[in-house]
Amino acid sequence: MKASEFDKRFDAGEDIGAEIDWGKAQRPNLEVRRVNVDFPAWVVDGLDRESQRLGITRQALIKVWIADKLGGALMGTRKVGRQPRRALSATTCGKAGRLVLV
């Protein structure tokens, strides 16, 4: 099937699921990369307080804050038309409070 036919059927609301090879489907820009960030203890303590106040993990707080900041700054979409947030994972390593984002 040509792309134009696929688009027409999709736009008409037809079920096109059978036409897609879901085994090869990919979501762009979602590859995972590991990033190490060292924070002073007071920053980690502040992250812990804020995450506790919101009832989420430190990891979730950092993911949301970074995605929100980068999403608006890079996409130029501060108030409307915001792109979906990408998921990040974060863990803390050692007593120094080293943060690892993946």
PDB file of N, CA and C in Angstrom:
ATOM      1  N   MET A   1       0.851  -1.168   0.000  1.00  0.00           N
ATOM      2  CA  MET A   1       0.000   0.000   0.000  1.00  0.00           C
ATOM      3  C   MET A   1       0.904   1.240   0.000  1.00  0.00           C
ATOM      4  N   LYS A   2       0.553   2.197  -0.827  1.00  0.00           N
ATOM      5  CA  LYS A   2       1.304   3.447  -0.884  1.00  0.00           C
ATOM      6  C   LYS A   2       0.931   4.326   0.306  1.00  0.00           C
ATOM      7  N   ALA A   3       1.835   5.219   0.652  1.00  0.00           N
ATOM      8  CA  ALA A   3       1.616   6.108   1.783  1.00  0.00           C
ATOM      9  C   ALA A   3       0.369   6.963   1.592  1.00  0.00           C
ATOM     10  N   SER A   4       0.115   7.397   0.375  1.00  0.00           N
ATOM     11  CA  SER A   4      -1.057   8.242   0.127  1.00  0.00           C
ATOM     12  C   SER A   4      -2.357   7.486   0.402  1.00  0.00           C
ATOM     13  N   GLU A   5      -2.394   6.205   0.002  1.00  0.00           N
ATOM     14  CA  GLU A   5      -3.577   5.373   0.278  1.00  0.00           C
ATOM     15  C   GLU A   5      -3.728   5.136   1.781  1.00  0.00           C
ATOM     16  N   PHE A   6      -2.617   4.867   2.440  1.00  0.00           N
ATOM     17  CA  PHE A   6      -2.611   4.669   3.892  1.00  0.00           C
ATOM     18  C   PHE A   6      -3.172   5.913   4.582  1.00  0.00           C
ATOM     19  N   ASP A   7      -2.677   7.094   4.182  1.00  0.00           N
ATOM     20  CA  ASP A   7      -3.138   8.351   4.771  1.00  0.00           C
ATOM     21  C   ASP A   7      -4.633   8.571   4.545  1.00  0.00           C
ATOM     22  N   LYS A   8      -5.102   8.282   3.356  1.00  0.00           N
ATOM     23  CA  LYS A   8      -6.532   8.456   3.045  1.00  0.00           C
ATOM     24  C   LYS A   8      -7.389   7.564   3.934  1.00  0.00           C
ATOM     25  N   ARG A   9      -6.978   6.295   4.066  1.00  0.00           N
ATOM     26  CA  ARG A   9      -7.746   5.367   4.894  1.00  0.00           C
ATOM     27  C   ARG A   9      -7.722   5.791   6.360  1.00  0.00           C
ATOM     28  N   PHE A  10      -6.567   6.241   6.824  1.00  0.00           N
ATOM     29  CA  PHE A  10      -6.449   6.705   8.204  1.00  0.00           C
ATOM     30  C   PHE A  10      -7.343   7.922   8.426  1.00  0.00           C
ATOM     31  N   ASP A  11      -7.252   8.893   7.526  1.00  0.00           N
ATOM     32  CA  ASP A  11      -8.052  10.116   7.643  1.00  0.00           C
ATOM     33  C   ASP A  11      -9.547   9.838   7.571  1.00  0.00           C
ATOM     34  N   ALA A  12      -9.919   8.769   6.880  1.00  0.00           N
ATOM     35  CA  ALA A  12     -11.334   8.398   6.771  1.00  0.00           C
ATOM     36  C   ALA A  12     -11.817   7.649   8.010  1.00  0.00           C
ATOM     37  N   GLY A  13     -10.900   7.370   8.948  1.00  0.00           N
ATOM     38  CA  GLY A  13     -11.279   6.701  10.184  1.00  0.00           C
ATOM     39  C   GLY A  13     -11.294   5.191  10.091  1.00  0.00           C
ATOM     40  N   GLU A  14     -10.744   4.654   9.007  1.00  0.00           N
ATOM     41  CA  GLU A  14     -10.701   3.196   8.854  1.00  0.00           C
ATOM     42  C   GLU A  14      -9.677   2.590   9.813  1.00  0.00           C
ATOM     43  N   ASP A  15      -9.894   1.333  10.173  1.00  0.00           N
ATOM     44  CA  ASP A  15      -8.949   0.610  11.022  1.00  0.00           C
ATOM     45  C   ASP A  15      -7.770   0.191  10.156  1.00  0.00           C
ATOM     46  N   ILE A  16      -6.624   0.774  10.398  1.00  0.00           N
ATOM     47  CA  ILE A  16      -5.437   0.476   9.604  1.00  0.00           C
ATOM     48  C   ILE A  16      -4.425  -0.369  10.373  1.00  0.00           C
ATOM     49  N   GLY A  17      -4.826  -0.849  11.538  1.00  0.00           N
ATOM     50  CA  GLY A  17      -3.930  -1.628  12.388  1.00  0.00           C
ATOM     51  C   GLY A  17      -3.354  -2.847  11.700  1.00  0.00           C
ATOM     52  N   ALA A  18      -4.115  -3.479  10.838  1.00  0.00           N
ATOM     53  CA  ALA A  18      -3.642  -4.674  10.144  1.00  0.00           C
ATOM     54  C   ALA A  18      -2.558  -4.337   9.121  1.00  0.00           C
ATOM     55  N   GLU A  19      -2.474  -3.100   8.718  1.00  0.00           N
ATOM     56  CA  GLU A  19      -1.499  -2.666   7.713  1.00  0.00           C
ATOM     57  C   GLU A  19      -0.144  -2.313   8.318  1.00  0.00           C
ATOM     58  N   ILE A  20      -0.061  -2.294   9.636  1.00  0.00           N
ATOM     59  CA  ILE A  20       1.160  -1.852  10.309  1.00  0.00           C
ATOM     60  C   ILE A  20       1.917  -3.055  10.859  1.00  0.00           C
ATOM     61  N   ASP A  21       3.215  -3.077  10.616  1.00  0.00           N
ATOM     62  CA  ASP A  21       4.083  -4.100  11.197  1.00  0.00           C
ATOM     63  C   ASP A  21       4.535  -3.580  12.557  1.00  0.00           C
ATOM     64  N   TRP A  22       3.782  -3.911  13.603  1.00  0.00           N
ATOM     65  CA  TRP A  22       4.050  -3.381  14.941  1.00  0.00           C
ATOM     66  C   TRP A  22       5.390  -3.831  15.492  1.00  0.00           C
ATOM     67  N   GLY A  23       5.926  -4.916  14.966  1.00  0.00           N
ATOM     68  CA  GLY A  23       7.238  -5.396  15.409  1.00  0.00           C
ATOM     69  C   GLY A  23       8.370  -4.462  15.016  1.00  0.00           C
ATOM     70  N   LYS A  24       8.150  -3.660  13.985  1.00  0.00           N
ATOM     71  CA  LYS A  24       9.176  -2.717  13.526  1.00  0.00           C
ATOM     72  C   LYS A  24       8.875  -1.282  13.933  1.00  0.00           C
ATOM     73  N   ALA A  25       7.771  -1.069  14.629  1.00  0.00           N
ATOM     74  CA  ALA A  25       7.383   0.289  15.010  1.00  0.00           C
ATOM     75  C   ALA A  25       8.367   0.852  16.020  1.00  0.00           C
ATOM     76  N   GLN A  26       8.695   2.128  15.856  1.00  0.00           N
ATOM     77  CA  GLN A  26       9.599   2.809  16.766  1.00  0.00           C
ATOM     78  C   GLN A  26       9.053   4.195  17.067  1.00  0.00           C
ATOM     79  N   ARG A  27       9.350   4.681  18.264  1.00  0.00           N
ATOM     80  CA  ARG A  27       9.018   6.060  18.629  1.00  0.00           C
ATOM     81  C   ARG A  27      10.321   6.847  18.577  1.00  0.00           C
ATOM     82  N   PRO A  28      10.383   7.871  17.750  1.00  0.00           N
ATOM     83  CA  PRO A  28      11.648   8.597  17.590  1.00  0.00           C
ATOM     84  C   PRO A  28      12.071   9.337  18.855  1.00  0.00           C
ATOM     85  N   ASN A  29      13.372   9.484  18.992  1.00  0.00           N
ATOM     86  CA  ASN A  29      14.000  10.258  20.081  1.00  0.00           C
ATOM     87  C   ASN A  29      13.721   9.701  21.473  1.00  0.00           C
ATOM     88  N   LEU A  30      13.503   8.407  21.590  1.00  0.00           N
ATOM     89  CA  LEU A  30      13.263   7.827  22.908  1.00  0.00           C
ATOM     90  C   LEU A  30      14.374   6.876  23.344  1.00  0.00           C
ATOM     91  N   GLU A  31      15.508   6.894  22.628  1.00  0.00           N
ATOM     92  CA  GLU A  31      16.613   6.056  23.069  1.00  0.00           C
ATOM     93  C   GLU A  31      17.092   6.567  24.427  1.00  0.00           C
ATOM     94  N   VAL A  32      17.561   5.659  25.225  1.00  0.00           N
ATOM     95  CA  VAL A  32      17.959   5.990  26.590  1.00  0.00           C
ATOM     96  C   VAL A  32      19.459   6.251  26.625  1.00  0.00           C
ATOM     97  N   ARG A  33      19.833   7.314  27.301  1.00  0.00           N
ATOM     98  CA  ARG A  33      21.246   7.630  27.537  1.00  0.00           C
ATOM     99  C   ARG A  33      21.429   7.904  29.021  1.00  0.00           C
ATOM    100  N   ARG A  34      22.542   7.463  29.558  1.00  0.00           N
ATOM    101  CA  ARG A  34      22.827   7.655  30.982  1.00  0.00           C
ATOM    102  C   ARG A  34      23.608   8.952  31.174  1.00  0.00           C
ATOM    103  N   VAL A  35      23.194   9.715  32.179  1.00  0.00           N
ATOM    104  CA  VAL A  35      23.847  10.983  32.507  1.00  0.00           C
ATOM    105  C   VAL A  35      24.102  11.014  34.008  1.00  0.00           C
ATOM    106  N   ASN A  36      25.323  11.332  34.394  1.00  0.00           N
ATOM    107  CA  ASN A  36      25.660  11.461  35.816  1.00  0.00           C
ATOM    108  C   ASN A  36      25.712  12.935  36.182  1.00  0.00           C
ATOM    109  N   VAL A  37      25.048  13.288  37.256  1.00  0.00           N
ATOM    110  CA  VAL A  37      25.038  14.664  37.734  1.00  0.00           C
ATOM    111  C   VAL A  37      25.345  14.647  39.227  1.00  0.00           C
ATOM    112  N   ASP A  38      26.321  15.433  39.628  1.00  0.00           N
ATOM    113  CA  ASP A  38      26.653  15.559  41.050  1.00  0.00           C
ATOM    114  C   ASP A  38      25.995  16.820  41.592  1.00  0.00           C
ATOM    115  N   PHE A  39      25.236  16.680  42.686  1.00  0.00           N
ATOM    116  CA  PHE A  39      24.593  17.806  43.350  1.00  0.00           C
ATOM    117  C   PHE A  39      25.137  17.946  44.752  1.00  0.00           C
ATOM    118  N   PRO A  40      25.214  19.171  45.251  1.00  0.00           N
ATOM    119  CA  PRO A  40      25.544  19.336  46.672  1.00  0.00           C
ATOM    120  C   PRO A  40      24.422  18.736  47.521  1.00  0.00           C
ATOM    121  N   ALA A  41      24.755  18.382  48.740  1.00  0.00           N
ATOM    122  CA  ALA A  41      23.782  17.734  49.626  1.00  0.00           C
ATOM    123  C   ALA A  41      22.536  18.585  49.815  1.00  0.00           C
ATOM    124  N   TRP A  42      22.684  19.931  49.888  1.00  0.00           N
ATOM    125  CA  TRP A  42      21.520  20.785  50.105  1.00  0.00           C
ATOM    126  C   TRP A  42      20.537  20.708  48.933  1.00  0.00           C
ATOM    127  N   VAL A  43      21.046  20.478  47.711  1.00  0.00           N
ATOM    128  CA  VAL A  43      20.150  20.347  46.554  1.00  0.00           C
ATOM    129  C   VAL A  43      19.381  19.034  46.647  1.00  0.00           C
ATOM    130  N   VAL A  44      20.081  17.968  46.990  1.00  0.00           N
ATOM    131  CA  VAL A  44      19.414  16.664  47.130  1.00  0.00           C
ATOM    132  C   VAL A  44      18.381  16.737  48.244  1.00  0.00           C
ATOM    133  N   ASP A  45      18.722  17.401  49.349  1.00  0.00           N
ATOM    134  CA  ASP A  45      17.760  17.557  50.450  1.00  0.00           C
ATOM    135  C   ASP A  45      16.528  18.335  49.991  1.00  0.00           C
ATOM    136  N   GLY A  46      16.743  19.392  49.217  1.00  0.00           N
ATOM    137  CA  GLY A  46      15.615  20.165  48.693  1.00  0.00           C
ATOM    138  C   GLY A  46      14.755  19.360  47.748  1.00  0.00           C
ATOM    139  N   LEU A  47      15.392  18.564  46.900  1.00  0.00           N
ATOM    140  CA  LEU A  47      14.638  17.679  45.996  1.00  0.00           C
ATOM    141  C   LEU A  47      13.803  16.684  46.798  1.00  0.00           C
ATOM    142  N   ASP A  48      14.397  16.146  47.856  1.00  0.00           N
ATOM    143  CA  ASP A  48      13.679  15.188  48.696  1.00  0.00           C
ATOM    144  C   ASP A  48      12.467  15.837  49.372  1.00  0.00           C
ATOM    145  N   ARG A  49      12.646  17.050  49.883  1.00  0.00           N
ATOM    146  CA  ARG A  49      11.530  17.749  50.536  1.00  0.00           C
ATOM    147  C   ARG A  49      10.397  18.023  49.545  1.00  0.00           C
ATOM    148  N   GLU A  50      10.754  18.529  48.369  1.00  0.00           N
ATOM    149  CA  GLU A  50       9.729  18.848  47.379  1.00  0.00           C
ATOM    150  C   GLU A  50       9.039  17.595  46.857  1.00  0.00           C
ATOM    151  N   SER A  51       9.786  16.543  46.623  1.00  0.00           N
ATOM    152  CA  SER A  51       9.167  15.310  46.146  1.00  0.00           C
ATOM    153  C   SER A  51       8.254  14.705  47.205  1.00  0.00           C
ATOM    154  N   GLN A  52       8.660  14.817  48.479  1.00  0.00           N
ATOM    155  CA  GLN A  52       7.818  14.321  49.565  1.00  0.00           C
ATOM    156  C   GLN A  52       6.533  15.149  49.677  1.00  0.00           C
ATOM    157  N   ARG A  53       6.668  16.466  49.516  1.00  0.00           N
ATOM    158  CA  ARG A  53       5.503  17.352  49.582  1.00  0.00           C
ATOM    159  C   ARG A  53       4.494  17.016  48.487  1.00  0.00           C
ATOM    160  N   LEU A  54       5.003  16.677  47.309  1.00  0.00           N
ATOM    161  CA  LEU A  54       4.134  16.354  46.180  1.00  0.00           C
ATOM    162  C   LEU A  54       3.675  14.894  46.175  1.00  0.00           C
ATOM    163  N   GLY A  55       4.306  14.075  47.009  1.00  0.00           N
ATOM    164  CA  GLY A  55       3.937  12.667  47.068  1.00  0.00           C
ATOM    165  C   GLY A  55       4.441  11.863  45.889  1.00  0.00           C
ATOM    166  N   ILE A  56       5.595  12.273  45.352  1.00  0.00           N
ATOM    167  CA  ILE A  56       6.208  11.548  44.239  1.00  0.00           C
ATOM    168  C   ILE A  56       7.653  11.255  44.598  1.00  0.00           C
ATOM    169  N   THR A  57       8.297  10.445  43.814  1.00  0.00           N
ATOM    170  CA  THR A  57       9.699  10.128  44.084  1.00  0.00           C
ATOM    171  C   THR A  57      10.597  11.270  43.616  1.00  0.00           C
ATOM    172  N   ARG A  58      11.795  11.302  44.156  1.00  0.00           N
ATOM    173  CA  ARG A  58      12.789  12.282  43.704  1.00  0.00           C
ATOM    174  C   ARG A  58      13.019  12.124  42.207  1.00  0.00           C
ATOM    175  N   GLN A  59      13.097  10.893  41.787  1.00  0.00           N
ATOM    176  CA  GLN A  59      13.301  10.585  40.370  1.00  0.00           C
ATOM    177  C   GLN A  59      12.192  11.193  39.509  1.00  0.00           C
ATOM    178  N   ALA A  60      10.957  11.016  39.910  1.00  0.00           N
ATOM    179  CA  ALA A  60       9.835  11.561  39.143  1.00  0.00           C
ATOM    180  C   ALA A  60       9.875  13.083  39.111  1.00  0.00           C
ATOM    181  N   LEU A  61      10.214  13.693  40.237  1.00  0.00           N
ATOM    182  CA  LEU A  61      10.302  15.152  40.307  1.00  0.00           C
ATOM    183  C   LEU A  61      11.344  15.681  39.325  1.00  0.00           C
ATOM    184  N   ILE A  62      12.510  15.085  39.332  1.00  0.00           N
ATOM    185  CA  ILE A  62      13.585  15.523  38.436  1.00  0.00           C
ATOM    186  C   ILE A  62      13.178  15.320  36.981  1.00  0.00           C
ATOM    187  N   LYS A  63      12.567  14.187  36.673  1.00  0.00           N
ATOM    188  CA  LYS A  63      12.128  13.931  35.294  1.00  0.00           C
ATOM    189  C   LYS A  63      11.143  14.988  34.824  1.00  0.00           C
ATOM    190  N   VAL A  64      10.170  15.299  35.658  1.00  0.00           N
ATOM    191  CA  VAL A  64       9.147  16.280  35.284  1.00  0.00           C
ATOM    192  C   VAL A  64       9.760  17.660  35.118  1.00  0.00           C
ATOM    193  N   TRP A  65      10.602  18.067  36.060  1.00  0.00           N
ATOM    194  CA  TRP A  65      11.204  19.403  35.991  1.00  0.00           C
ATOM    195  C   TRP A  65      12.078  19.556  34.748  1.00  0.00           C
ATOM    196  N   ILE A  66      12.906  18.571  34.479  1.00  0.00           N
ATOM    197  CA  ILE A  66      13.796  18.664  33.319  1.00  0.00           C
ATOM    198  C   ILE A  66      12.991  18.620  32.020  1.00  0.00           C
ATOM    199  N   ALA A  67      12.048  17.691  31.922  1.00  0.00           N
ATOM    200  CA  ALA A  67      11.241  17.602  30.705  1.00  0.00           C
ATOM    201  C   ALA A  67      10.444  18.874  30.478  1.00  0.00           C
ATOM    202  N   ASP A  68       9.918  19.453  31.557  1.00  0.00           N
ATOM    203  CA  ASP A  68       9.144  20.681  31.433  1.00  0.00           C
ATOM    204  C   ASP A  68      10.030  21.827  30.956  1.00  0.00           C
ATOM    205  N   LYS A  69      11.185  21.960  31.549  1.00  0.00           N
ATOM    206  CA  LYS A  69      12.094  23.047  31.174  1.00  0.00           C
ATOM    207  C   LYS A  69      12.584  22.880  29.740  1.00  0.00           C
ATOM    208  N   LEU A  70      13.038  21.705  29.389  1.00  0.00           N
ATOM    209  CA  LEU A  70      13.543  21.481  28.042  1.00  0.00           C
ATOM    210  C   LEU A  70      12.442  21.488  26.998  1.00  0.00           C
ATOM    211  N   GLY A  71      11.307  20.941  27.330  1.00  0.00           N
ATOM    212  CA  GLY A  71      10.190  20.915  26.381  1.00  0.00           C
ATOM    213  C   GLY A  71       9.774  22.306  25.970  1.00  0.00           C
ATOM    214  N   GLY A  72       9.648  23.210  26.915  1.00  0.00           N
ATOM    215  CA  GLY A  72       9.240  24.570  26.602  1.00  0.00           C
ATOM    216  C   GLY A  72      10.347  25.361  25.940  1.00  0.00           C
ATOM    217  N   ALA A  73      11.579  25.188  26.398  1.00  0.00           N
ATOM    218  CA  ALA A  73      12.686  25.963  25.864  1.00  0.00           C
ATOM    219  C   ALA A  73      13.051  25.531  24.453  1.00  0.00           C
ATOM    220  N   LEU A  74      13.069  24.222  24.208  1.00  0.00           N
ATOM    221  CA  LEU A  74      13.482  23.725  22.904  1.00  0.00           C
ATOM    222  C   LEU A  74      12.377  23.789  21.872  1.00  0.00           C
ATOM    223  N   MET A  75      11.151  23.603  22.310  1.00  0.00           N
ATOM    224  CA  MET A  75      10.038  23.561  21.376  1.00  0.00           C
ATOM    225  C   MET A  75       9.382  24.921  21.191  1.00  0.00           C
ATOM    226  N   GLY A  76       9.724  25.873  22.051  1.00  0.00           N
ATOM    227  CA  GLY A  76       9.077  27.172  21.972  1.00  0.00           C
ATOM    228  C   GLY A  76       7.597  27.087  22.283  1.00  0.00           C
ATOM    229  N   THR A  77       7.244  26.171  23.176  1.00  0.00           N
ATOM    230  CA  THR A  77       5.833  25.908  23.480  1.00  0.00           C
ATOM    231  C   THR A  77       5.591  26.035  24.965  1.00  0.00           C
ATOM    232  N   ARG A  78       5.804  27.188  25.514  1.00  0.00           N
ATOM    233  CA  ARG A  78       5.639  27.378  26.946  1.00  0.00           C
ATOM    234  C   ARG A  78       4.208  27.157  27.419  1.00  0.00           C
ATOM    235  N   LYS A  79       3.197  27.641  26.687  1.00  0.00           N
ATOM    236  CA  LYS A  79       1.841  27.608  27.218  1.00  0.00           C
ATOM    237  C   LYS A  79       0.898  26.697  26.448  1.00  0.00           C
ATOM    238  N   VAL A  80       1.042  26.620  25.135  1.00  0.00           N
ATOM    239  CA  VAL A  80       0.135  25.795  24.338  1.00  0.00           C
ATOM    240  C   VAL A  80       0.938  24.943  23.374  1.00  0.00           C
ATOM    241  N   GLY A  81       0.324  23.878  22.903  1.00  0.00           N
ATOM    242  CA  GLY A  81       0.964  23.024  21.921  1.00  0.00           C
ATOM    243  C   GLY A  81       2.155  22.260  22.440  1.00  0.00           C
ATOM    244  N   ARG A  82       2.166  21.997  23.730  1.00  0.00           N
ATOM    245  CA  ARG A  82       3.295  21.320  24.359  1.00  0.00           C
ATOM    246  C   ARG A  82       3.414  19.881  23.847  1.00  0.00           C
ATOM    247  N   GLN A  83       4.633  19.466  23.589  1.00  0.00           N
ATOM    248  CA  GLN A  83       4.916  18.109  23.139  1.00  0.00           C
ATOM    249  C   GLN A  83       4.763  17.140  24.312  1.00  0.00           C
ATOM    250  N   PRO A  84       4.445  15.883  24.045  1.00  0.00           N
ATOM    251  CA  PRO A  84       4.364  14.900  25.139  1.00  0.00           C
ATOM    252  C   PRO A  84       5.701  14.776  25.842  1.00  0.00           C
ATOM    253  N   ARG A  85       5.648  14.556  27.134  1.00  0.00           N
ATOM    254  CA  ARG A  85       6.872  14.419  27.922  1.00  0.00           C
ATOM    255  C   ARG A  85       7.473  13.050  27.721  1.00  0.00           C
ATOM    256  N   ARG A  86       8.803  13.033  27.654  1.00  0.00           N
ATOM    257  CA  ARG A  86       9.517  11.774  27.559  1.00  0.00           C
ATOM    258  C   ARG A  86       9.815  11.280  28.957  1.00  0.00           C
ATOM    259  N   ALA A  87       9.872   9.990  29.099  1.00  0.00           N
ATOM    260  CA  ALA A  87      10.179   9.421  30.405  1.00  0.00           C
ATOM    261  C   ALA A  87      11.685   9.331  30.587  1.00  0.00           C
ATOM    262  N   LEU A  88      12.144   9.704  31.746  1.00  0.00           N
ATOM    263  CA  LEU A  88      13.522   9.532  32.150  1.00  0.00           C
ATOM    264  C   LEU A  88      13.516   8.700  33.422  1.00  0.00           C
ATOM    265  N   SER A  89      14.613   8.102  33.713  1.00  0.00           N
ATOM    266  CA  SER A  89      14.755   7.396  34.977  1.00  0.00           C
ATOM    267  C   SER A  89      15.937   7.995  35.710  1.00  0.00           C
ATOM    268  N   ALA A  90      15.857   8.034  37.018  1.00  0.00           N
ATOM    269  CA  ALA A  90      16.959   8.598  37.804  1.00  0.00           C
ATOM    270  C   ALA A  90      17.159   7.776  39.061  1.00  0.00           C
ATOM    271  N   THR A  91      18.403   7.654  39.465  1.00  0.00           N
ATOM    272  CA  THR A  91      18.721   6.988  40.719  1.00  0.00           C
ATOM    273  C   THR A  91      19.802   7.790  41.416  1.00  0.00           C
ATOM    274  N   THR A  92      19.946   7.596  42.707  1.00  0.00           N
ATOM    275  CA  THR A  92      20.994   8.268  43.464  1.00  0.00           C
ATOM    276  C   THR A  92      22.035   7.235  43.846  1.00  0.00           C
ATOM    277  N   CYS A  93      23.296   7.595  43.659  1.00  0.00           N
ATOM    278  CA  CYS A  93      24.392   6.677  43.954  1.00  0.00           C
ATOM    279  C   CYS A  93      25.266   7.244  45.059  1.00  0.00           C
ATOM    280  N   GLY A  94      25.496   6.474  46.077  1.00  0.00           N
ATOM    281  CA  GLY A  94      26.465   6.827  47.105  1.00  0.00           C
ATOM    282  C   GLY A  94      26.036   7.946  48.031  1.00  0.00           C
ATOM    283  N   LYS A  95      26.893   8.226  49.004  1.00  0.00           N
ATOM    284  CA  LYS A  95      26.620   9.239  50.010  1.00  0.00           C
ATOM    285  C   LYS A  95      26.745  10.656  49.458  1.00  0.00           C
ATOM    286  N   ALA A  96      27.468  10.828  48.357  1.00  0.00           N
ATOM    287  CA  ALA A  96      27.692  12.166  47.802  1.00  0.00           C
ATOM    288  C   ALA A  96      26.435  12.695  47.113  1.00  0.00           C
ATOM    289  N   GLY A  97      25.439  11.837  46.929  1.00  0.00           N
ATOM    290  CA  GLY A  97      24.211  12.290  46.285  1.00  0.00           C
ATOM    291  C   GLY A  97      24.351  12.398  44.783  1.00  0.00           C
ATOM    292  N   ARG A  98      25.183  11.565  44.183  1.00  0.00           N
ATOM    293  CA  ARG A  98      25.341  11.588  42.734  1.00  0.00           C
ATOM    294  C   ARG A  98      24.049  11.094  42.107  1.00  0.00           C
ATOM    295  N   LEU A  99      23.548  11.839  41.176  1.00  0.00           N
ATOM    296  CA  LEU A  99      22.307  11.514  40.508  1.00  0.00           C
ATOM    297  C   LEU A  99      22.620  10.958  39.134  1.00  0.00           C
ATOM    298  N   VAL A 100      21.999   9.844  38.795  1.00  0.00           N
ATOM    299  CA  VAL A 100      22.206   9.225  37.495  1.00  0.00           C
ATOM    300  C   VAL A 100      20.884   9.265  36.741  1.00  0.00           C
ATOM    301  N   LEU A 101      20.848   9.989  35.639  1.00  0.00           N
ATOM    302  CA  LEU A 101      19.645  10.046  34.799  1.00  0.00           C
ATOM    303  C   LEU A 101      19.826   9.108  33.627  1.00  0.00           C
ATOM    304  N   VAL A 102      18.818   8.295  33.366  1.00  0.00           N
ATOM    305  CA  VAL A 102      18.861   7.396  32.206  1.00  0.00           C
ATOM    306  C   VAL A 102      17.586   7.521  31.431  1.00  0.00           C
TER     307      VAL A 102
END
